[in-house]
Amino acid sequence: MHETRVPTSVILLVFLMSTLEVPTRAELQLLGQPGNMTVMLDRRLKLPCKHSGEGKIDVKWYHNNEEMPRRGQNYKITHNGRLKFTQVKVIDRGKYHCKVENEYKERVLSRVANLVVHAPAEVIDKHQLTRPRHVRVGAYARLSCQAAGIPPPRIEWRKNGELVSIIKIM
């Protein structure tokens, strides 16, 4: 039987290559995501998009599936990827999500969060309610009140603190 001899340098090279560890980069991942929120009009709000990974990382935010500029009239996207509102407006309500991408073209999307904005109830024509009325005893009086808010306010009429039953006459 013929024996083949492998040079020692080849064996050493194979051994060295098999024991070398190739460094791997940390996987891109989201550590904190936005959640559904309800806020009052003109309040501050921060939506997280906390991430980890290696390389240059870019965070983009989307409102109702439209990419948002880095800075708006009442918000900005911070250096760490947080969406920060100084005063939430009714127009800001809707669906939000963030996208994190690194220089290796790995990308991760957050879950979609729904933002609900409530606006306090407001009487529309206060003058109509505060002007004096003269009505004969036993006669009907017509009073009207219009109010706006989110969610729409419920209107109650009270006399001396007691709830008054309302009769609608068209």
N, C-alpha and C. Protein backbone atom coordinates (compact mmCIF):
# COMPACT_ATOMS: atom_id res chain seq x y z
N MET A 1 0.84 -1.16 0.00
CA MET A 1 0.00 0.00 0.00
C MET A 1 0.88 1.23 0.00
N HIS A 2 0.48 2.20 -0.83
CA HIS A 2 1.28 3.42 -1.01
C HIS A 2 0.76 4.51 -0.08
N GLU A 3 1.62 5.06 0.74
CA GLU A 3 1.22 6.05 1.72
C GLU A 3 1.49 7.46 1.17
N THR A 4 0.46 8.38 1.28
CA THR A 4 0.62 9.74 0.83
C THR A 4 0.93 10.60 2.04
N ARG A 5 1.99 11.38 1.91
CA ARG A 5 2.37 12.23 3.02
C ARG A 5 1.91 13.66 2.73
N VAL A 6 1.25 14.23 3.69
CA VAL A 6 0.80 15.62 3.58
C VAL A 6 1.80 16.47 4.32
N PRO A 7 2.27 17.51 3.66
CA PRO A 7 3.26 18.37 4.31
C PRO A 7 2.69 18.97 5.60
N THR A 8 3.53 19.11 6.61
CA THR A 8 3.13 19.64 7.91
C THR A 8 2.57 21.05 7.80
N SER A 9 3.08 21.88 6.89
CA SER A 9 2.61 23.26 6.74
C SER A 9 1.15 23.29 6.30
N VAL A 10 0.71 22.35 5.49
CA VAL A 10 -0.69 22.29 5.03
C VAL A 10 -1.58 21.91 6.19
N ILE A 11 -1.16 20.96 6.98
CA ILE A 11 -1.95 20.52 8.13
C ILE A 11 -2.08 21.67 9.12
N LEU A 12 -1.01 22.39 9.38
CA LEU A 12 -1.04 23.52 10.29
C LEU A 12 -1.97 24.61 9.78
N LEU A 13 -1.96 24.90 8.48
CA LEU A 13 -2.82 25.92 7.90
C LEU A 13 -4.29 25.53 8.04
N VAL A 14 -4.62 24.28 7.77
CA VAL A 14 -5.99 23.81 7.92
C VAL A 14 -6.41 23.92 9.38
N PHE A 15 -5.57 23.55 10.31
CA PHE A 15 -5.87 23.64 11.72
C PHE A 15 -6.10 25.08 12.14
N LEU A 16 -5.24 26.00 11.71
CA LEU A 16 -5.39 27.41 12.05
C LEU A 16 -6.68 27.98 11.48
N MET A 17 -7.04 27.66 10.26
CA MET A 17 -8.27 28.18 9.64
C MET A 17 -9.51 27.68 10.36
N SER A 18 -9.48 26.44 10.85
CA SER A 18 -10.66 25.90 11.51
C SER A 18 -10.83 26.45 12.93
N THR A 19 -9.77 26.96 13.55
CA THR A 19 -9.89 27.48 14.90
C THR A 19 -10.08 28.99 14.94
N LEU A 20 -9.90 29.67 13.82
CA LEU A 20 -10.11 31.12 13.81
C LEU A 20 -11.60 31.41 13.87
N GLU A 21 -11.97 32.35 14.73
CA GLU A 21 -13.37 32.75 14.81
C GLU A 21 -13.55 34.02 13.99
N VAL A 22 -14.52 33.99 13.11
CA VAL A 22 -14.83 35.16 12.31
C VAL A 22 -15.78 36.02 13.14
N PRO A 23 -15.42 37.28 13.39
CA PRO A 23 -16.29 38.12 14.22
C PRO A 23 -17.63 38.35 13.50
N THR A 24 -18.72 38.26 14.27
CA THR A 24 -20.04 38.53 13.71
C THR A 24 -20.54 39.83 14.31
N ARG A 25 -21.31 40.54 13.55
CA ARG A 25 -21.84 41.80 14.06
C ARG A 25 -23.16 41.53 14.80
N ALA A 26 -23.45 42.41 15.73
CA ALA A 26 -24.68 42.28 16.51
C ALA A 26 -25.87 42.47 15.58
N GLU A 27 -26.85 41.61 15.75
CA GLU A 27 -28.06 41.66 14.92
C GLU A 27 -28.86 42.92 15.23
N LEU A 28 -29.38 43.54 14.19
CA LEU A 28 -30.22 44.73 14.35
C LEU A 28 -31.54 44.30 14.97
N GLN A 29 -31.94 44.98 16.03
CA GLN A 29 -33.20 44.63 16.67
C GLN A 29 -33.83 45.82 17.37
N LEU A 30 -35.14 45.72 17.57
CA LEU A 30 -35.89 46.74 18.30
C LEU A 30 -35.99 46.32 19.76
N LEU A 31 -35.70 47.25 20.65
CA LEU A 31 -35.77 46.99 22.08
C LEU A 31 -36.99 47.66 22.71
N GLY A 32 -37.48 48.72 22.08
CA GLY A 32 -38.65 49.44 22.56
C GLY A 32 -39.45 49.94 21.38
N GLN A 33 -40.75 49.68 21.39
CA GLN A 33 -41.60 50.04 20.26
C GLN A 33 -42.75 50.92 20.71
N PRO A 34 -43.37 51.65 19.78
CA PRO A 34 -44.53 52.46 20.14
C PRO A 34 -45.73 51.57 20.44
N GLY A 35 -46.59 52.05 21.30
CA GLY A 35 -47.84 51.34 21.63
C GLY A 35 -49.02 52.27 21.42
N ASN A 36 -50.22 51.73 21.38
CA ASN A 36 -51.42 52.55 21.22
C ASN A 36 -51.51 53.56 22.35
N MET A 37 -51.89 54.80 22.00
CA MET A 37 -51.95 55.87 22.99
C MET A 37 -53.16 56.75 22.75
N THR A 38 -53.68 57.31 23.83
CA THR A 38 -54.72 58.34 23.78
C THR A 38 -54.19 59.52 24.57
N VAL A 39 -54.15 60.70 23.93
CA VAL A 39 -53.63 61.90 24.59
C VAL A 39 -54.58 63.07 24.36
N MET A 40 -54.50 64.01 25.26
CA MET A 40 -55.29 65.24 25.13
C MET A 40 -54.58 66.21 24.18
N LEU A 41 -55.36 67.00 23.52
CA LEU A 41 -54.88 68.04 22.62
C LEU A 41 -53.83 68.91 23.31
N ASP A 42 -52.78 69.28 22.59
CA ASP A 42 -51.71 70.18 23.03
C ASP A 42 -50.78 69.60 24.10
N ARG A 43 -50.87 68.31 24.38
CA ARG A 43 -49.95 67.68 25.34
C ARG A 43 -48.68 67.24 24.64
N ARG A 44 -47.63 67.03 25.43
CA ARG A 44 -46.37 66.47 24.92
C ARG A 44 -46.52 64.96 24.80
N LEU A 45 -45.75 64.40 23.86
CA LEU A 45 -45.82 62.95 23.66
C LEU A 45 -44.49 62.46 23.10
N LYS A 46 -44.03 61.29 23.59
CA LYS A 46 -42.83 60.66 23.07
C LYS A 46 -43.18 59.23 22.67
N LEU A 47 -42.85 58.87 21.44
CA LEU A 47 -43.04 57.49 20.96
C LEU A 47 -41.66 56.86 20.79
N PRO A 48 -41.40 55.72 21.44
CA PRO A 48 -40.08 55.11 21.38
C PRO A 48 -39.86 54.27 20.13
N CYS A 49 -38.60 54.21 19.71
CA CYS A 49 -38.16 53.27 18.68
C CYS A 49 -36.73 52.88 19.06
N LYS A 50 -36.61 52.32 20.25
CA LYS A 50 -35.29 51.97 20.79
C LYS A 50 -34.74 50.76 20.05
N HIS A 51 -33.48 50.84 19.70
CA HIS A 51 -32.87 49.81 18.85
C HIS A 51 -31.45 49.50 19.30
N SER A 52 -30.94 48.38 18.80
CA SER A 52 -29.53 48.03 19.02
C SER A 52 -29.01 47.36 17.76
N GLY A 53 -27.71 47.42 17.60
CA GLY A 53 -27.07 46.84 16.43
C GLY A 53 -25.78 47.58 16.15
N GLU A 54 -25.08 47.14 15.12
CA GLU A 54 -23.80 47.75 14.78
C GLU A 54 -23.90 48.52 13.49
N GLY A 55 -22.92 49.39 13.30
CA GLY A 55 -22.86 50.19 12.08
C GLY A 55 -23.72 51.44 12.20
N LYS A 56 -23.73 52.20 11.14
CA LYS A 56 -24.54 53.42 11.09
C LYS A 56 -26.00 53.01 11.01
N ILE A 57 -26.81 53.51 11.94
CA ILE A 57 -28.23 53.14 12.01
C ILE A 57 -29.09 54.36 11.72
N ASP A 58 -30.08 54.18 10.87
CA ASP A 58 -31.01 55.24 10.49
C ASP A 58 -32.41 54.84 10.93
N VAL A 59 -33.13 55.77 11.58
CA VAL A 59 -34.50 55.52 12.02
C VAL A 59 -35.43 56.45 11.25
N LYS A 60 -36.47 55.87 10.68
CA LYS A 60 -37.50 56.64 9.97
C LYS A 60 -38.84 56.36 10.62
N TRP A 61 -39.67 57.40 10.67
CA TRP A 61 -41.02 57.27 11.22
C TRP A 61 -42.03 57.46 10.11
N TYR A 62 -43.18 56.78 10.26
CA TYR A 62 -44.26 56.84 9.27
C TYR A 62 -45.57 57.15 9.99
N HIS A 63 -46.32 58.10 9.40
CA HIS A 63 -47.64 58.46 9.90
C HIS A 63 -48.63 58.09 8.81
N ASN A 64 -49.54 57.17 9.12
CA ASN A 64 -50.50 56.65 8.13
C ASN A 64 -49.78 56.20 6.86
N ASN A 65 -48.68 55.49 7.04
CA ASN A 65 -47.85 54.90 5.97
C ASN A 65 -47.10 55.93 5.12
N GLU A 66 -47.06 57.18 5.51
CA GLU A 66 -46.30 58.22 4.80
C GLU A 66 -45.05 58.54 5.63
N GLU A 67 -43.87 58.51 4.98
CA GLU A 67 -42.65 58.84 5.71
C GLU A 67 -42.70 60.28 6.21
N MET A 68 -42.28 60.47 7.45
CA MET A 68 -42.29 61.79 8.07
C MET A 68 -40.93 62.46 7.91
N PRO A 69 -40.91 63.77 7.67
CA PRO A 69 -39.62 64.49 7.69
C PRO A 69 -39.03 64.41 9.10
N ARG A 70 -37.73 64.62 9.23
CA ARG A 70 -37.06 64.54 10.54
C ARG A 70 -37.59 65.57 11.53
N ARG A 71 -38.11 66.67 11.01
CA ARG A 71 -38.62 67.74 11.86
C ARG A 71 -39.90 68.29 11.25
N GLY A 72 -40.91 68.49 12.10
CA GLY A 72 -42.18 69.07 11.65
C GLY A 72 -42.52 70.27 12.51
N GLN A 73 -43.70 70.81 12.29
CA GLN A 73 -44.12 72.01 13.02
C GLN A 73 -44.21 71.77 14.54
N ASN A 74 -44.65 70.57 14.94
CA ASN A 74 -44.82 70.31 16.37
C ASN A 74 -44.13 69.01 16.82
N TYR A 75 -43.17 68.52 16.03
CA TYR A 75 -42.47 67.29 16.41
C TYR A 75 -41.06 67.28 15.84
N LYS A 76 -40.26 66.33 16.35
CA LYS A 76 -38.96 66.04 15.75
C LYS A 76 -38.61 64.59 16.05
N ILE A 77 -37.77 64.02 15.20
CA ILE A 77 -37.23 62.69 15.42
C ILE A 77 -35.86 62.89 16.04
N THR A 78 -35.67 62.41 17.26
CA THR A 78 -34.44 62.67 17.99
C THR A 78 -33.29 61.79 17.48
N HIS A 79 -32.07 62.09 17.92
CA HIS A 79 -30.89 61.34 17.48
C HIS A 79 -30.96 59.86 17.84
N ASN A 80 -31.72 59.52 18.89
CA ASN A 80 -31.84 58.11 19.28
C ASN A 80 -33.09 57.44 18.68
N GLY A 81 -33.78 58.13 17.78
CA GLY A 81 -34.90 57.53 17.06
C GLY A 81 -36.28 57.75 17.66
N ARG A 82 -36.35 58.47 18.77
CA ARG A 82 -37.65 58.74 19.40
C ARG A 82 -38.41 59.81 18.61
N LEU A 83 -39.72 59.64 18.49
CA LEU A 83 -40.58 60.65 17.88
C LEU A 83 -41.15 61.48 19.02
N LYS A 84 -40.81 62.77 19.03
CA LYS A 84 -41.11 63.63 20.17
C LYS A 84 -42.01 64.80 19.72
N PHE A 85 -43.24 64.82 20.23
CA PHE A 85 -44.18 65.91 19.94
C PHE A 85 -44.12 66.94 21.06
N THR A 86 -44.10 68.23 20.68
CA THR A 86 -44.15 69.29 21.68
C THR A 86 -45.60 69.61 22.04
N GLN A 87 -46.49 69.55 21.05
CA GLN A 87 -47.93 69.77 21.27
C GLN A 87 -48.69 68.93 20.26
N VAL A 88 -49.35 67.89 20.75
CA VAL A 88 -50.11 67.02 19.85
C VAL A 88 -51.35 67.76 19.36
N LYS A 89 -51.61 67.66 18.07
CA LYS A 89 -52.79 68.28 17.44
C LYS A 89 -53.73 67.19 16.92
N VAL A 90 -54.96 67.55 16.64
CA VAL A 90 -55.94 66.59 16.14
C VAL A 90 -55.45 65.97 14.83
N ILE A 91 -54.79 66.74 14.01
CA ILE A 91 -54.28 66.24 12.73
C ILE A 91 -53.22 65.15 12.91
N ASP A 92 -52.63 65.06 14.11
CA ASP A 92 -51.60 64.05 14.38
C ASP A 92 -52.18 62.67 14.66
N ARG A 93 -53.49 62.56 14.84
CA ARG A 93 -54.05 61.24 15.15
C ARG A 93 -53.86 60.31 13.96
N GLY A 94 -53.80 59.03 14.24
CA GLY A 94 -53.62 58.05 13.17
C GLY A 94 -52.66 56.96 13.58
N LYS A 95 -52.13 56.28 12.58
CA LYS A 95 -51.27 55.11 12.79
C LYS A 95 -49.80 55.48 12.60
N TYR A 96 -48.95 55.01 13.52
CA TYR A 96 -47.51 55.30 13.49
C TYR A 96 -46.71 54.01 13.56
N HIS A 97 -45.59 53.98 12.86
CA HIS A 97 -44.61 52.92 13.04
C HIS A 97 -43.24 53.47 12.65
N CYS A 98 -42.20 52.80 13.14
CA CYS A 98 -40.85 53.21 12.79
C CYS A 98 -40.14 52.09 12.03
N LYS A 99 -39.13 52.49 11.26
CA LYS A 99 -38.31 51.54 10.53
C LYS A 99 -36.86 51.84 10.87
N VAL A 100 -36.13 50.82 11.28
CA VAL A 100 -34.72 50.95 11.64
C VAL A 100 -33.92 50.20 10.59
N GLU A 101 -32.90 50.87 10.04
CA GLU A 101 -32.07 50.26 9.00
C GLU A 101 -30.61 50.58 9.28
N ASN A 102 -29.74 49.59 9.05
CA ASN A 102 -28.32 49.85 9.26
C ASN A 102 -27.58 49.89 7.92
N GLU A 103 -26.29 50.18 7.98
CA GLU A 103 -25.50 50.32 6.74
C GLU A 103 -25.34 49.00 6.00
N TYR A 104 -25.67 47.88 6.64
CA TYR A 104 -25.59 46.57 5.99
C TYR A 104 -26.91 46.19 5.33
N LYS A 105 -27.85 47.15 5.28
CA LYS A 105 -29.17 46.99 4.66
C LYS A 105 -30.08 46.02 5.41
N GLU A 106 -29.76 45.76 6.69
CA GLU A 106 -30.69 45.02 7.53
C GLU A 106 -31.75 46.04 7.96
N ARG A 107 -33.01 45.62 8.03
CA ARG A 107 -34.04 46.55 8.49
C ARG A 107 -35.07 45.82 9.35
N VAL A 108 -35.61 46.58 10.28
CA VAL A 108 -36.61 46.06 11.20
C VAL A 108 -37.73 47.08 11.28
N LEU A 109 -38.98 46.60 11.24
CA LEU A 109 -40.15 47.47 11.38
C LEU A 109 -40.79 47.25 12.74
N SER A 110 -41.25 48.34 13.33
CA SER A 110 -41.97 48.23 14.59
C SER A 110 -43.41 47.82 14.31
N ARG A 111 -44.11 47.50 15.37
CA ARG A 111 -45.56 47.28 15.23
C ARG A 111 -46.22 48.63 14.95
N VAL A 112 -47.43 48.60 14.48
CA VAL A 112 -48.19 49.83 14.20
C VAL A 112 -48.92 50.23 15.48
N ALA A 113 -48.78 51.49 15.83
CA ALA A 113 -49.44 52.03 17.03
C ALA A 113 -50.47 53.06 16.59
N ASN A 114 -51.63 53.05 17.25
CA ASN A 114 -52.69 54.00 16.93
C ASN A 114 -52.68 55.13 17.95
N LEU A 115 -52.64 56.36 17.44
CA LEU A 115 -52.68 57.54 18.30
C LEU A 115 -54.06 58.18 18.19
N VAL A 116 -54.73 58.30 19.34
CA VAL A 116 -56.03 58.95 19.43
C VAL A 116 -55.82 60.27 20.16
N VAL A 117 -56.34 61.34 19.59
CA VAL A 117 -56.19 62.67 20.21
C VAL A 117 -57.58 63.14 20.65
N HIS A 118 -57.71 63.43 21.93
CA HIS A 118 -58.97 63.96 22.47
C HIS A 118 -58.85 65.47 22.60
N ALA A 119 -59.94 66.15 22.31
CA ALA A 119 -60.01 67.60 22.47
C ALA A 119 -61.09 67.90 23.50
N PRO A 120 -60.84 68.81 24.43
CA PRO A 120 -61.85 69.09 25.46
C PRO A 120 -63.12 69.67 24.86
N ALA A 121 -64.23 69.42 25.55
CA ALA A 121 -65.52 69.94 25.10
C ALA A 121 -65.51 71.46 25.18
N GLU A 122 -66.18 72.07 24.20
CA GLU A 122 -66.20 73.52 24.12
C GLU A 122 -67.57 73.95 23.59
N VAL A 123 -68.20 74.89 24.29
CA VAL A 123 -69.48 75.43 23.82
C VAL A 123 -69.19 76.36 22.66
N ILE A 124 -69.91 76.18 21.55
CA ILE A 124 -69.61 76.94 20.34
C ILE A 124 -70.14 78.37 20.40
N ASP A 125 -71.39 78.57 20.84
CA ASP A 125 -71.95 79.92 20.90
C ASP A 125 -72.35 80.23 22.33
N LYS A 126 -71.40 80.67 23.12
CA LYS A 126 -71.66 80.95 24.54
C LYS A 126 -72.62 82.13 24.72
N HIS A 127 -72.59 83.09 23.82
CA HIS A 127 -73.45 84.27 23.93
C HIS A 127 -74.92 83.87 23.93
N GLN A 128 -75.27 82.90 23.12
CA GLN A 128 -76.67 82.47 23.03
C GLN A 128 -77.14 81.89 24.37
N LEU A 129 -76.26 81.27 25.11
CA LEU A 129 -76.64 80.67 26.38
C LEU A 129 -76.69 81.67 27.52
N THR A 130 -75.94 82.74 27.43
CA THR A 130 -75.84 83.67 28.56
C THR A 130 -76.75 84.89 28.45
N ARG A 131 -77.36 85.11 27.29
CA ARG A 131 -78.23 86.30 27.18
C ARG A 131 -79.54 86.05 27.93
N PRO A 132 -80.11 87.09 28.53
CA PRO A 132 -81.34 86.94 29.33
C PRO A 132 -82.52 86.50 28.45
N ARG A 133 -83.41 85.69 29.03
CA ARG A 133 -84.63 85.22 28.35
C ARG A 133 -85.83 85.56 29.26
N HIS A 134 -86.89 85.98 28.61
CA HIS A 134 -88.14 86.26 29.34
C HIS A 134 -89.21 85.35 28.77
N VAL A 135 -89.74 84.50 29.63
CA VAL A 135 -90.75 83.53 29.21
C VAL A 135 -91.87 83.57 30.23
N ARG A 136 -93.10 83.55 29.72
CA ARG A 136 -94.26 83.54 30.63
C ARG A 136 -94.31 82.21 31.38
N VAL A 137 -94.79 82.25 32.57
CA VAL A 137 -94.93 81.04 33.37
C VAL A 137 -95.87 80.09 32.64
N GLY A 138 -95.45 78.83 32.50
CA GLY A 138 -96.27 77.83 31.84
C GLY A 138 -96.02 77.74 30.34
N ALA A 139 -95.30 78.69 29.77
CA ALA A 139 -95.03 78.67 28.33
C ALA A 139 -93.76 77.84 28.08
N TYR A 140 -93.64 77.41 26.83
CA TYR A 140 -92.42 76.69 26.44
C TYR A 140 -91.30 77.68 26.18
N ALA A 141 -90.10 77.26 26.50
CA ALA A 141 -88.91 78.06 26.19
C ALA A 141 -88.02 77.20 25.29
N ARG A 142 -87.45 77.82 24.29
CA ARG A 142 -86.54 77.09 23.40
C ARG A 142 -85.11 77.53 23.71
N LEU A 143 -84.32 76.58 24.14
CA LEU A 143 -82.92 76.82 24.41
C LEU A 143 -82.12 75.85 23.55
N SER A 144 -81.02 76.32 23.01
CA SER A 144 -80.18 75.42 22.22
C SER A 144 -78.73 75.58 22.65
N CYS A 145 -78.00 74.51 22.45
CA CYS A 145 -76.60 74.52 22.82
C CYS A 145 -75.85 73.66 21.82
N GLN A 146 -74.77 74.20 21.30
CA GLN A 146 -73.90 73.43 20.42
C GLN A 146 -72.53 73.36 21.07
N ALA A 147 -71.98 72.15 21.06
CA ALA A 147 -70.66 71.95 21.65
C ALA A 147 -69.85 71.04 20.73
N ALA A 148 -68.55 71.19 20.80
CA ALA A 148 -67.65 70.37 20.00
C ALA A 148 -66.58 69.80 20.91
N GLY A 149 -66.04 68.68 20.51
CA GLY A 149 -64.96 68.04 21.25
C GLY A 149 -64.72 66.66 20.68
N ILE A 150 -63.61 66.06 21.08
CA ILE A 150 -63.32 64.68 20.66
C ILE A 150 -63.03 63.90 21.93
N PRO A 151 -63.81 62.89 22.24
CA PRO A 151 -65.03 62.45 21.55
C PRO A 151 -66.14 63.49 21.70
N PRO A 152 -67.18 63.42 20.85
CA PRO A 152 -68.26 64.42 20.91
C PRO A 152 -68.87 64.47 22.30
N PRO A 153 -69.03 65.67 22.84
CA PRO A 153 -69.58 65.79 24.19
C PRO A 153 -71.07 65.50 24.26
N ARG A 154 -71.51 65.06 25.43
CA ARG A 154 -72.94 64.85 25.70
C ARG A 154 -73.44 66.11 26.40
N ILE A 155 -74.53 66.63 25.93
CA ILE A 155 -75.08 67.88 26.50
C ILE A 155 -76.22 67.54 27.46
N GLU A 156 -76.14 68.13 28.65
CA GLU A 156 -77.20 67.98 29.65
C GLU A 156 -77.70 69.37 30.03
N TRP A 157 -78.98 69.46 30.30
CA TRP A 157 -79.55 70.71 30.80
C TRP A 157 -79.90 70.51 32.27
N ARG A 158 -79.55 71.51 33.08
CA ARG A 158 -79.83 71.45 34.51
C ARG A 158 -80.45 72.76 34.97
N LYS A 159 -81.33 72.65 35.93
CA LYS A 159 -81.93 73.84 36.55
C LYS A 159 -81.74 73.68 38.05
N ASN A 160 -81.07 74.65 38.64
CA ASN A 160 -80.74 74.59 40.07
C ASN A 160 -80.04 73.28 40.42
N GLY A 161 -79.17 72.81 39.54
CA GLY A 161 -78.39 71.60 39.78
C GLY A 161 -79.10 70.30 39.47
N GLU A 162 -80.40 70.36 39.16
CA GLU A 162 -81.18 69.15 38.87
C GLU A 162 -81.29 68.96 37.36
N LEU A 163 -81.15 67.71 36.92
CA LEU A 163 -81.26 67.37 35.51
C LEU A 163 -82.67 67.66 35.01
N VAL A 164 -82.78 68.35 33.88
CA VAL A 164 -84.07 68.71 33.28
C VAL A 164 -84.35 67.76 32.13
N SER A 165 -85.60 67.28 32.07
CA SER A 165 -85.95 66.43 30.94
C SER A 165 -86.11 67.31 29.71
N ILE A 166 -85.66 66.80 28.59
CA ILE A 166 -85.66 67.57 27.36
C ILE A 166 -86.77 67.08 26.46
N ILE A 167 -87.55 68.02 25.94
CA ILE A 167 -88.60 67.70 24.98
C ILE A 167 -88.20 68.37 23.68
N LYS A 168 -88.08 67.56 22.64
CA LYS A 168 -87.72 68.12 21.33
C LYS A 168 -89.00 68.38 20.58
N ILE A 169 -89.16 69.60 20.15
CA ILE A 169 -90.31 69.98 19.32
C ILE A 169 -89.74 70.54 18.03
N MET A 170 -90.14 69.97 16.95
CA MET A 170 -89.62 70.42 15.65
C MET A 170 -90.59 71.38 15.03
